[in-house]
Amino acid sequence: MSPSPTPQRPLLGAFYMLLTGLLFVGMTTVIKSIGSELPSIEIAFLRFVFGAIAFLPMVCRSPDKFAFDRGLLGLFSLRGACHVAGTGMWFYALTVIDLSDVTAINYMVPIFLTIGAALIFGERLAWMRICAIIVAFVGVLIILRPGFQVIELGHIAMMCGTVGLAGSYLLAKRLSQEADVSVVVAMMSFTAAIGMAPFALAVWVAPSLSELLFCCLIAAMASAAHYFMTVAFKAAPMVVVQPVSFLQLVWATLLGAVMFGEAIDGFVVLGGIIIVASVSFITWRETVVKRASASDKTPA
């Protein structure tokens, strides 16, 4: 007898996604605030060090869960390298370009996930998905406006960072089939901390106690945000919670204006709306296809 499906609670899912957005925007605000005092790669390194420390008790309790063969260890290492590249560029972008720009471009991660799933896992790209991907890239062009404004290194770093993060999430999907989810998350912290160590040490600036506390806060907010995002996806369909993530751009724009004196750029907001609409359409389309497939397999 198959287990009964988890009851859907759309309002609760939307609430948890709102909370997720607030935590992510709060985290990026803290990173931007201390980015002028510490190198961005050092902040990212300390974020993963604190995350790794939090997982050490689990390693001591269940060391057998971390006994991997060479192939699996290679996949964990590759995922760590992707996450180091993606997170490092994302943290750097936060310190040199506006919060709204970073948040809007970050919405491209699901788009690159869709492309990567087709290239790596062989998932079919229907023409409607292809059109949605093209629309998302139009949104990026509206944000960057090449030829009409100078594209800064931070914008390029952020675009490359979304590719790295998408690669990390795709590898996480593959690894979750071989190991517990908690082990996959823990190994991300361990491998990312190890991978970032030489880059952080090369530009190391001794952090003050308050800066260490801020880095600890960044790690806690990131962990809490990922937790609440997972709960949101469990409580409600992605077609309900995904559009709520657009509010991150609203909050990032307002915080950037109030705390850092950043100008509110209508093109960035418009481009962000277009990208979120594209992501929401892909999410809705995948839900429709899964429901149709499930109904086809249900015996009459």
C-alpha atoms as a PDB file:
ATOM      1  CA  MET A   1       0.000   0.000   0.000  1.00  0.00           C
ATOM      2  CA  SER A   2       1.552   3.308  -1.110  1.00  0.00           C
ATOM      3  CA  PRO A   3       1.972   6.118   1.439  1.00  0.00           C
ATOM      4  CA  SER A   4      -0.593   8.894   1.328  1.00  0.00           C
ATOM      5  CA  PRO A   5       0.672  12.108  -0.269  1.00  0.00           C
ATOM      6  CA  THR A   6       1.647  15.014   1.918  1.00  0.00           C
ATOM      7  CA  PRO A   7      -1.281  17.457   2.168  1.00  0.00           C
ATOM      8  CA  GLN A   8      -0.692  20.707   0.296  1.00  0.00           C
ATOM      9  CA  ARG A   9      -0.883  23.998   2.224  1.00  0.00           C
ATOM     10  CA  PRO A  10      -0.376  26.825  -0.301  1.00  0.00           C
ATOM     11  CA  LEU A  11      -0.585  29.723   2.168  1.00  0.00           C
ATOM     12  CA  LEU A  12       1.933  28.109   4.501  1.00  0.00           C
ATOM     13  CA  GLY A  13       4.238  27.399   1.550  1.00  0.00           C
ATOM     14  CA  ALA A  14       3.997  31.012   0.390  1.00  0.00           C
ATOM     15  CA  PHE A  15       4.754  32.208   3.944  1.00  0.00           C
ATOM     16  CA  TYR A  16       7.874  30.048   4.192  1.00  0.00           C
ATOM     17  CA  MET A  17       9.046  31.290   0.800  1.00  0.00           C
ATOM     18  CA  LEU A  18       8.533  34.887   1.985  1.00  0.00           C
ATOM     19  CA  LEU A  19      10.652  34.061   5.031  1.00  0.00           C
ATOM     20  CA  THR A  20      13.266  32.465   2.761  1.00  0.00           C
ATOM     21  CA  GLY A  21      13.448  35.620   0.665  1.00  0.00           C
ATOM     22  CA  LEU A  22      13.848  37.837   3.723  1.00  0.00           C
ATOM     23  CA  LEU A  23      16.691  35.664   5.017  1.00  0.00           C
ATOM     24  CA  PHE A  24      18.506  35.646   1.664  1.00  0.00           C
ATOM     25  CA  VAL A  25      18.187  39.419   1.263  1.00  0.00           C
ATOM     26  CA  GLY A  26      19.265  39.945   4.873  1.00  0.00           C
ATOM     27  CA  MET A  27      22.279  37.718   4.268  1.00  0.00           C
ATOM     28  CA  THR A  28      23.301  39.615   1.131  1.00  0.00           C
ATOM     29  CA  THR A  29      22.912  42.904   2.997  1.00  0.00           C
ATOM     30  CA  VAL A  30      25.300  41.719   5.735  1.00  0.00           C
ATOM     31  CA  ILE A  31      27.806  40.519   3.114  1.00  0.00           C
ATOM     32  CA  LYS A  32      27.695  43.871   1.332  1.00  0.00           C
ATOM     33  CA  SER A  33      28.065  45.709   4.643  1.00  0.00           C
ATOM     34  CA  ILE A  34      31.297  43.960   5.642  1.00  0.00           C
ATOM     35  CA  GLY A  35      32.580  43.543   2.078  1.00  0.00           C
ATOM     36  CA  SER A  36      34.513  46.790   2.325  1.00  0.00           C
ATOM     37  CA  GLU A  37      36.373  45.504   5.397  1.00  0.00           C
ATOM     38  CA  LEU A  38      37.158  41.919   4.388  1.00  0.00           C
ATOM     39  CA  PRO A  39      37.932  40.357   0.965  1.00  0.00           C
ATOM     40  CA  SER A  40      34.826  38.734  -0.500  1.00  0.00           C
ATOM     41  CA  ILE A  41      36.523  35.335  -0.864  1.00  0.00           C
ATOM     42  CA  GLU A  42      37.485  35.429   2.827  1.00  0.00           C
ATOM     43  CA  ILE A  43      33.858  36.099   3.799  1.00  0.00           C
ATOM     44  CA  ALA A  44      32.731  33.177   1.640  1.00  0.00           C
ATOM     45  CA  PHE A  45      35.425  30.948   3.153  1.00  0.00           C
ATOM     46  CA  LEU A  46      34.423  31.797   6.725  1.00  0.00           C
ATOM     47  CA  ARG A  47      30.754  31.193   5.841  1.00  0.00           C
ATOM     48  CA  PHE A  48      31.590  27.597   4.853  1.00  0.00           C
ATOM     49  CA  VAL A  49      33.994  27.084   7.753  1.00  0.00           C
ATOM     50  CA  PHE A  50      31.210  27.878  10.219  1.00  0.00           C
ATOM     51  CA  GLY A  51      28.874  25.629   8.235  1.00  0.00           C
ATOM     52  CA  ALA A  52      31.420  22.797   8.336  1.00  0.00           C
ATOM     53  CA  ILE A  53      31.869  23.199  12.104  1.00  0.00           C
ATOM     54  CA  ALA A  54      28.113  22.807  12.553  1.00  0.00           C
ATOM     55  CA  PHE A  55      28.225  19.436  10.738  1.00  0.00           C
ATOM     56  CA  LEU A  56      31.197  17.991  12.675  1.00  0.00           C
ATOM     57  CA  PRO A  57      28.990  16.376  15.387  1.00  0.00           C
ATOM     58  CA  MET A  58      27.140  14.472  12.658  1.00  0.00           C
ATOM     59  CA  VAL A  59      30.455  13.168  11.282  1.00  0.00           C
ATOM     60  CA  CYS A  60      31.486  11.986  14.768  1.00  0.00           C
ATOM     61  CA  ARG A  61      28.128  10.252  15.335  1.00  0.00           C
ATOM     62  CA  SER A  62      27.922   8.523  11.938  1.00  0.00           C
ATOM     63  CA  PRO A  63      31.395   8.267  10.379  1.00  0.00           C
ATOM     64  CA  ASP A  64      30.245   5.329   8.217  1.00  0.00           C
ATOM     65  CA  LYS A  65      28.021   7.703   6.222  1.00  0.00           C
ATOM     66  CA  PHE A  66      31.145   9.534   5.057  1.00  0.00           C
ATOM     67  CA  ALA A  67      32.975   6.427   3.814  1.00  0.00           C
ATOM     68  CA  PHE A  68      32.829   7.016   0.035  1.00  0.00           C
ATOM     69  CA  ASP A  69      34.357   5.139  -2.861  1.00  0.00           C
ATOM     70  CA  ARG A  70      36.696   6.985  -5.222  1.00  0.00           C
ATOM     71  CA  GLY A  71      33.990   7.757  -7.800  1.00  0.00           C
ATOM     72  CA  LEU A  72      31.584   9.274  -5.287  1.00  0.00           C
ATOM     73  CA  LEU A  73      34.373  11.255  -3.633  1.00  0.00           C
ATOM     74  CA  GLY A  74      35.252  12.623  -7.070  1.00  0.00           C
ATOM     75  CA  LEU A  75      31.673  13.799  -7.584  1.00  0.00           C
ATOM     76  CA  PHE A  76      31.660  15.477  -4.174  1.00  0.00           C
ATOM     77  CA  SER A  77      34.948  17.196  -5.048  1.00  0.00           C
ATOM     78  CA  LEU A  78      33.588  18.340  -8.409  1.00  0.00           C
ATOM     79  CA  ARG A  79      30.503  19.731  -6.738  1.00  0.00           C
ATOM     80  CA  GLY A  80      32.705  21.549  -4.240  1.00  0.00           C
ATOM     81  CA  ALA A  81      34.708  23.096  -7.096  1.00  0.00           C
ATOM     82  CA  CYS A  82      31.502  24.290  -8.807  1.00  0.00           C
ATOM     83  CA  HIS A  83      30.220  25.732  -5.543  1.00  0.00           C
ATOM     84  CA  VAL A  84      33.528  27.460  -4.818  1.00  0.00           C
ATOM     85  CA  ALA A  85      33.428  29.128  -8.247  1.00  0.00           C
ATOM     86  CA  GLY A  86      29.743  30.046  -8.058  1.00  0.00           C
ATOM     87  CA  THR A  87      29.728  31.305  -4.467  1.00  0.00           C
ATOM     88  CA  GLY A  88      33.063  33.110  -4.785  1.00  0.00           C
ATOM     89  CA  MET A  89      31.868  35.075  -7.816  1.00  0.00           C
ATOM     90  CA  TRP A  90      28.496  35.738  -6.185  1.00  0.00           C
ATOM     91  CA  PHE A  91      30.121  37.135  -3.017  1.00  0.00           C
ATOM     92  CA  TYR A  92      32.462  39.257  -5.143  1.00  0.00           C
ATOM     93  CA  ALA A  93      29.558  40.650  -7.193  1.00  0.00           C
ATOM     94  CA  LEU A  94      27.755  41.605  -3.984  1.00  0.00           C
ATOM     95  CA  THR A  95      30.629  43.881  -3.002  1.00  0.00           C
ATOM     96  CA  VAL A  96      30.935  45.750  -6.329  1.00  0.00           C
ATOM     97  CA  ILE A  97      27.464  46.045  -7.934  1.00  0.00           C
ATOM     98  CA  ASP A  98      23.996  46.948  -6.679  1.00  0.00           C
ATOM     99  CA  LEU A  99      21.965  44.506  -4.585  1.00  0.00           C
ATOM    100  CA  SER A 100      19.108  44.650  -7.089  1.00  0.00           C
ATOM    101  CA  ASP A 101      21.424  43.681  -9.967  1.00  0.00           C
ATOM    102  CA  VAL A 102      22.789  40.692  -8.030  1.00  0.00           C
ATOM    103  CA  THR A 103      19.303  39.526  -7.021  1.00  0.00           C
ATOM    104  CA  ALA A 104      17.853  39.892 -10.520  1.00  0.00           C
ATOM    105  CA  ILE A 105      20.708  38.044 -12.248  1.00  0.00           C
ATOM    106  CA  ASN A 106      20.597  35.328  -9.577  1.00  0.00           C
ATOM    107  CA  TYR A 107      17.137  34.357 -10.891  1.00  0.00           C
ATOM    108  CA  MET A 108      18.987  32.847 -13.875  1.00  0.00           C
ATOM    109  CA  VAL A 109      20.087  29.849 -11.769  1.00  0.00           C
ATOM    110  CA  PRO A 110      16.873  27.853 -12.515  1.00  0.00           C
ATOM    111  CA  ILE A 111      17.303  28.655 -16.224  1.00  0.00           C
ATOM    112  CA  PHE A 112      20.833  27.245 -16.272  1.00  0.00           C
ATOM    113  CA  LEU A 113      19.552  24.289 -14.237  1.00  0.00           C
ATOM    114  CA  THR A 114      17.025  23.561 -16.987  1.00  0.00           C
ATOM    115  CA  ILE A 115      19.709  23.785 -19.678  1.00  0.00           C
ATOM    116  CA  GLY A 116      22.120  21.652 -17.641  1.00  0.00           C
ATOM    117  CA  ALA A 117      19.477  18.993 -16.983  1.00  0.00           C
ATOM    118  CA  ALA A 118      18.969  18.689 -20.749  1.00  0.00           C
ATOM    119  CA  LEU A 119      22.705  18.502 -21.510  1.00  0.00           C
ATOM    120  CA  ILE A 120      23.777  16.257 -18.607  1.00  0.00           C
ATOM    121  CA  PHE A 121      20.720  14.159 -17.717  1.00  0.00           C
ATOM    122  CA  GLY A 122      19.185  14.084 -21.180  1.00  0.00           C
ATOM    123  CA  GLU A 123      15.914  15.738 -20.127  1.00  0.00           C
ATOM    124  CA  ARG A 124      13.865  16.802 -23.121  1.00  0.00           C
ATOM    125  CA  LEU A 125      13.622  20.519 -23.911  1.00  0.00           C
ATOM    126  CA  ALA A 126      10.215  21.151 -25.476  1.00  0.00           C
ATOM    127  CA  TRP A 127       9.810  24.233 -27.638  1.00  0.00           C
ATOM    128  CA  MET A 128       7.815  26.015 -24.909  1.00  0.00           C
ATOM    129  CA  ARG A 129      10.736  25.593 -22.490  1.00  0.00           C
ATOM    130  CA  ILE A 130      13.166  26.821 -25.148  1.00  0.00           C
ATOM    131  CA  CYS A 131      11.010  29.935 -25.689  1.00  0.00           C
ATOM    132  CA  ALA A 132      10.935  30.567 -21.924  1.00  0.00           C
ATOM    133  CA  ILE A 133      14.737  30.280 -21.750  1.00  0.00           C
ATOM    134  CA  ILE A 134      15.110  32.767 -24.619  1.00  0.00           C
ATOM    135  CA  VAL A 135      12.746  35.178 -22.831  1.00  0.00           C
ATOM    136  CA  ALA A 136      14.863  34.868 -19.659  1.00  0.00           C
ATOM    137  CA  PHE A 137      18.008  35.830 -21.585  1.00  0.00           C
ATOM    138  CA  VAL A 138      16.109  38.833 -22.972  1.00  0.00           C
ATOM    139  CA  GLY A 139      15.516  39.809 -19.334  1.00  0.00           C
ATOM    140  CA  VAL A 140      19.274  39.610 -18.699  1.00  0.00           C
ATOM    141  CA  LEU A 141      19.945  41.836 -21.715  1.00  0.00           C
ATOM    142  CA  ILE A 142      17.474  44.393 -20.336  1.00  0.00           C
ATOM    143  CA  ILE A 143      19.348  44.383 -17.015  1.00  0.00           C
ATOM    144  CA  LEU A 144      22.819  44.656 -18.565  1.00  0.00           C
ATOM    145  CA  ARG A 145      21.865  46.827 -21.575  1.00  0.00           C
ATOM    146  CA  PRO A 146      25.117  46.202 -23.512  1.00  0.00           C
ATOM    147  CA  GLY A 147      25.963  49.171 -25.696  1.00  0.00           C
ATOM    148  CA  PHE A 148      23.908  51.530 -23.542  1.00  0.00           C
ATOM    149  CA  GLN A 149      25.827  51.216 -20.284  1.00  0.00           C
ATOM    150  CA  VAL A 150      29.195  49.874 -19.188  1.00  0.00           C
ATOM    151  CA  ILE A 151      28.986  46.206 -18.176  1.00  0.00           C
ATOM    152  CA  GLU A 152      31.051  45.976 -15.016  1.00  0.00           C
ATOM    153  CA  LEU A 153      33.203  43.044 -13.945  1.00  0.00           C
ATOM    154  CA  GLY A 154      30.707  42.381 -11.163  1.00  0.00           C
ATOM    155  CA  HIS A 155      27.924  41.724 -13.711  1.00  0.00           C
ATOM    156  CA  ILE A 156      30.119  39.243 -15.597  1.00  0.00           C
ATOM    157  CA  ALA A 157      31.140  37.563 -12.340  1.00  0.00           C
ATOM    158  CA  MET A 158      27.499  37.245 -11.290  1.00  0.00           C
ATOM    159  CA  MET A 159      26.499  35.626 -14.591  1.00  0.00           C
ATOM    160  CA  CYS A 160      29.401  33.158 -14.322  1.00  0.00           C
ATOM    161  CA  GLY A 161      28.475  32.561 -10.690  1.00  0.00           C
ATOM    162  CA  THR A 162      24.936  31.496 -11.611  1.00  0.00           C
ATOM    163  CA  VAL A 163      26.397  28.919 -14.008  1.00  0.00           C
ATOM    164  CA  GLY A 164      28.650  27.568 -11.241  1.00  0.00           C
ATOM    165  CA  LEU A 165      25.773  27.366  -8.757  1.00  0.00           C
ATOM    166  CA  ALA A 166      23.555  25.631 -11.317  1.00  0.00           C
ATOM    167  CA  GLY A 167      26.306  23.053 -11.851  1.00  0.00           C
ATOM    168  CA  SER A 168      26.547  22.553  -8.093  1.00  0.00           C
ATOM    169  CA  TYR A 169      22.790  21.963  -7.766  1.00  0.00           C
ATOM    170  CA  LEU A 170      22.778  19.521 -10.693  1.00  0.00           C
ATOM    171  CA  LEU A 171      25.559  17.513  -9.053  1.00  0.00           C
ATOM    172  CA  ALA A 172      23.637  17.662  -5.754  1.00  0.00           C
ATOM    173  CA  LYS A 173      20.697  16.033  -7.539  1.00  0.00           C
ATOM    174  CA  ARG A 174      22.965  13.248  -8.750  1.00  0.00           C
ATOM    175  CA  LEU A 175      24.649  12.815  -5.339  1.00  0.00           C
ATOM    176  CA  SER A 176      21.319  12.721  -3.466  1.00  0.00           C
ATOM    177  CA  GLN A 177      20.621   9.424  -5.254  1.00  0.00           C
ATOM    178  CA  GLU A 178      23.755   7.895  -3.699  1.00  0.00           C
ATOM    179  CA  ALA A 179      23.923   9.503  -0.218  1.00  0.00           C
ATOM    180  CA  ASP A 180      21.690  11.029   2.449  1.00  0.00           C
ATOM    181  CA  VAL A 181      20.625  14.618   1.837  1.00  0.00           C
ATOM    182  CA  SER A 182      22.243  15.695   5.121  1.00  0.00           C
ATOM    183  CA  VAL A 183      25.535  14.136   3.971  1.00  0.00           C
ATOM    184  CA  VAL A 184      25.309  15.945   0.617  1.00  0.00           C
ATOM    185  CA  VAL A 185      24.786  19.281   2.406  1.00  0.00           C
ATOM    186  CA  ALA A 186      27.597  18.583   4.887  1.00  0.00           C
ATOM    187  CA  MET A 187      30.047  17.609   2.161  1.00  0.00           C
ATOM    188  CA  MET A 188      29.256  20.864   0.339  1.00  0.00           C
ATOM    189  CA  SER A 189      30.444  22.817   3.382  1.00  0.00           C
ATOM    190  CA  PHE A 190      33.568  20.671   3.821  1.00  0.00           C
ATOM    191  CA  THR A 191      34.664  20.692   0.172  1.00  0.00           C
ATOM    192  CA  ALA A 192      33.837  24.383  -0.341  1.00  0.00           C
ATOM    193  CA  ALA A 193      35.799  25.379   2.766  1.00  0.00           C
ATOM    194  CA  ILE A 194      38.799  23.323   1.598  1.00  0.00           C
ATOM    195  CA  GLY A 195      38.546  24.653  -1.961  1.00  0.00           C
ATOM    196  CA  MET A 196      38.319  28.280  -0.872  1.00  0.00           C
ATOM    197  CA  ALA A 197      41.113  28.046   1.725  1.00  0.00           C
ATOM    198  CA  PRO A 198      44.101  28.810  -0.571  1.00  0.00           C
ATOM    199  CA  PHE A 199      42.305  31.761  -2.228  1.00  0.00           C
ATOM    200  CA  ALA A 200      41.212  33.195   1.131  1.00  0.00           C
ATOM    201  CA  LEU A 201      44.660  32.773   2.687  1.00  0.00           C
ATOM    202  CA  ALA A 202      46.255  34.560  -0.285  1.00  0.00           C
ATOM    203  CA  VAL A 203      44.337  37.770   0.535  1.00  0.00           C
ATOM    204  CA  TRP A 204      43.771  37.155   4.248  1.00  0.00           C
ATOM    205  CA  VAL A 205      42.894  40.098   6.467  1.00  0.00           C
ATOM    206  CA  ALA A 206      42.651  39.381  10.191  1.00  0.00           C
ATOM    207  CA  PRO A 207      38.937  39.724  11.021  1.00  0.00           C
ATOM    208  CA  SER A 208      37.774  41.501  14.131  1.00  0.00           C
ATOM    209  CA  LEU A 209      35.462  39.790  16.618  1.00  0.00           C
ATOM    210  CA  SER A 210      32.456  41.654  15.231  1.00  0.00           C
ATOM    211  CA  GLU A 211      33.338  40.603  11.667  1.00  0.00           C
ATOM    212  CA  LEU A 212      33.646  36.973  12.776  1.00  0.00           C
ATOM    213  CA  LEU A 213      30.217  37.250  14.389  1.00  0.00           C
ATOM    214  CA  PHE A 214      28.817  38.709  11.158  1.00  0.00           C
ATOM    215  CA  CYS A 215      30.281  35.785   9.181  1.00  0.00           C
ATOM    216  CA  CYS A 216      28.700  33.391  11.656  1.00  0.00           C
ATOM    217  CA  LEU A 217      25.394  35.223  11.152  1.00  0.00           C
ATOM    218  CA  ILE A 218      25.766  34.864   7.373  1.00  0.00           C
ATOM    219  CA  ALA A 219      26.238  31.089   7.747  1.00  0.00           C
ATOM    220  CA  ALA A 220      23.222  30.808  10.062  1.00  0.00           C
ATOM    221  CA  MET A 221      20.981  32.861   7.753  1.00  0.00           C
ATOM    222  CA  ALA A 222      22.059  30.838   4.703  1.00  0.00           C
ATOM    223  CA  SER A 223      21.315  27.534   6.471  1.00  0.00           C
ATOM    224  CA  ALA A 224      17.955  28.787   7.738  1.00  0.00           C
ATOM    225  CA  ALA A 225      17.011  30.101   4.291  1.00  0.00           C
ATOM    226  CA  HIS A 226      17.764  26.757   2.637  1.00  0.00           C
ATOM    227  CA  TYR A 227      15.784  24.959   5.340  1.00  0.00           C
ATOM    228  CA  PHE A 228      12.694  27.157   4.991  1.00  0.00           C
ATOM    229  CA  MET A 229      12.905  26.929   1.190  1.00  0.00           C
ATOM    230  CA  THR A 230      12.828  23.130   1.455  1.00  0.00           C
ATOM    231  CA  VAL A 231       9.835  23.317   3.822  1.00  0.00           C
ATOM    232  CA  ALA A 232       8.074  25.702   1.393  1.00  0.00           C
ATOM    233  CA  PHE A 233       8.509  23.282  -1.519  1.00  0.00           C
ATOM    234  CA  LYS A 234       7.158  20.476   0.669  1.00  0.00           C
ATOM    235  CA  ALA A 235       4.135  22.472   1.850  1.00  0.00           C
ATOM    236  CA  ALA A 236       2.955  23.763  -1.532  1.00  0.00           C
ATOM    237  CA  PRO A 237       3.474  23.191  -5.268  1.00  0.00           C
ATOM    238  CA  MET A 238       6.411  25.032  -6.844  1.00  0.00           C
ATOM    239  CA  VAL A 239       3.974  26.912  -9.087  1.00  0.00           C
ATOM    240  CA  VAL A 240       2.668  28.579  -5.906  1.00  0.00           C
ATOM    241  CA  VAL A 241       5.929  29.328  -4.096  1.00  0.00           C
ATOM    242  CA  GLN A 242       8.244  30.122  -7.044  1.00  0.00           C
ATOM    243  CA  PRO A 243       6.594  33.468  -8.008  1.00  0.00           C
ATOM    244  CA  VAL A 244       6.790  34.586  -4.353  1.00  0.00           C
ATOM    245  CA  SER A 245      10.579  34.581  -4.703  1.00  0.00           C
ATOM    246  CA  PHE A 246      10.236  37.708  -6.888  1.00  0.00           C
ATOM    247  CA  LEU A 247       9.714  39.711  -3.691  1.00  0.00           C
ATOM    248  CA  GLN A 248      13.443  39.229  -3.025  1.00  0.00           C
ATOM    249  CA  LEU A 249      14.091  41.698  -5.843  1.00  0.00           C
ATOM    250  CA  VAL A 250      11.670  44.204  -4.306  1.00  0.00           C
ATOM    251  CA  TRP A 251      13.300  43.977  -0.892  1.00  0.00           C
ATOM    252  CA  ALA A 252      16.825  44.038  -2.338  1.00  0.00           C
ATOM    253  CA  THR A 253      15.995  47.166  -4.359  1.00  0.00           C
ATOM    254  CA  LEU A 254      14.515  48.944  -1.329  1.00  0.00           C
ATOM    255  CA  LEU A 255      17.362  47.919   1.008  1.00  0.00           C
ATOM    256  CA  GLY A 256      19.950  48.942  -1.576  1.00  0.00           C
ATOM    257  CA  ALA A 257      18.340  52.380  -1.848  1.00  0.00           C
ATOM    258  CA  VAL A 258      17.903  52.911   1.899  1.00  0.00           C
ATOM    259  CA  MET A 259      21.127  51.392   3.285  1.00  0.00           C
ATOM    260  CA  PHE A 260      23.640  51.899   0.461  1.00  0.00           C
ATOM    261  CA  GLY A 261      22.201  54.835  -1.500  1.00  0.00           C
ATOM    262  CA  GLU A 262      21.753  52.763  -4.677  1.00  0.00           C
ATOM    263  CA  ALA A 263      19.549  54.242  -7.386  1.00  0.00           C
ATOM    264  CA  ILE A 264      16.368  52.306  -8.202  1.00  0.00           C
ATOM    265  CA  ASP A 265      16.843  51.144 -11.800  1.00  0.00           C
ATOM    266  CA  GLY A 266      13.565  50.452 -13.610  1.00  0.00           C
ATOM    267  CA  PHE A 267      15.373  48.363 -16.238  1.00  0.00           C
ATOM    268  CA  VAL A 268      16.725  46.017 -13.546  1.00  0.00           C
ATOM    269  CA  VAL A 269      13.246  45.597 -12.073  1.00  0.00           C
ATOM    270  CA  LEU A 270      11.732  44.992 -15.533  1.00  0.00           C
ATOM    271  CA  GLY A 271      14.437  42.482 -16.445  1.00  0.00           C
ATOM    272  CA  GLY A 272      13.944  40.713 -13.114  1.00  0.00           C
ATOM    273  CA  ILE A 273      10.192  40.474 -13.682  1.00  0.00           C
ATOM    274  CA  ILE A 274      10.767  38.949 -17.128  1.00  0.00           C
ATOM    275  CA  ILE A 275      13.233  36.372 -15.761  1.00  0.00           C
ATOM    276  CA  VAL A 276      10.919  35.431 -12.871  1.00  0.00           C
ATOM    277  CA  ALA A 277       7.979  35.123 -15.279  1.00  0.00           C
ATOM    278  CA  SER A 278      10.063  32.775 -17.424  1.00  0.00           C
ATOM    279  CA  VAL A 279      11.127  30.670 -14.413  1.00  0.00           C
ATOM    280  CA  SER A 280       7.527  30.548 -13.163  1.00  0.00           C
ATOM    281  CA  PHE A 281       6.308  29.416 -16.588  1.00  0.00           C
ATOM    282  CA  ILE A 282       8.896  26.611 -16.726  1.00  0.00           C
ATOM    283  CA  THR A 283       7.895  25.546 -13.192  1.00  0.00           C
ATOM    284  CA  TRP A 284       4.192  25.566 -14.123  1.00  0.00           C
ATOM    285  CA  ARG A 285       4.851  23.641 -17.319  1.00  0.00           C
ATOM    286  CA  GLU A 286       6.850  20.960 -15.501  1.00  0.00           C
ATOM    287  CA  THR A 287       4.005  20.571 -12.977  1.00  0.00           C
ATOM    288  CA  VAL A 288       1.462  20.130 -15.772  1.00  0.00           C
ATOM    289  CA  VAL A 289       3.629  17.531 -17.510  1.00  0.00           C
ATOM    290  CA  LYS A 290       4.188  15.575 -14.263  1.00  0.00           C
ATOM    291  CA  ARG A 291       0.457  15.555 -13.507  1.00  0.00           C
ATOM    292  CA  ALA A 292      -0.331  14.341 -17.005  1.00  0.00           C
ATOM    293  CA  SER A 293       2.298  11.610 -16.723  1.00  0.00           C
ATOM    294  CA  ALA A 294       0.957  10.517 -13.323  1.00  0.00           C
ATOM    295  CA  SER A 295      -2.621  10.346 -14.631  1.00  0.00           C
ATOM    296  CA  ASP A 296      -1.483   8.226 -17.598  1.00  0.00           C
ATOM    297  CA  LYS A 297       0.133   5.709 -15.221  1.00  0.00           C
ATOM    298  CA  THR A 298      -2.942   5.524 -12.957  1.00  0.00           C
ATOM    299  CA  PRO A 299      -4.931   2.351 -13.713  1.00  0.00           C
ATOM    300  CA  ALA A 300      -8.519   2.880 -14.831  1.00  0.00           C
END
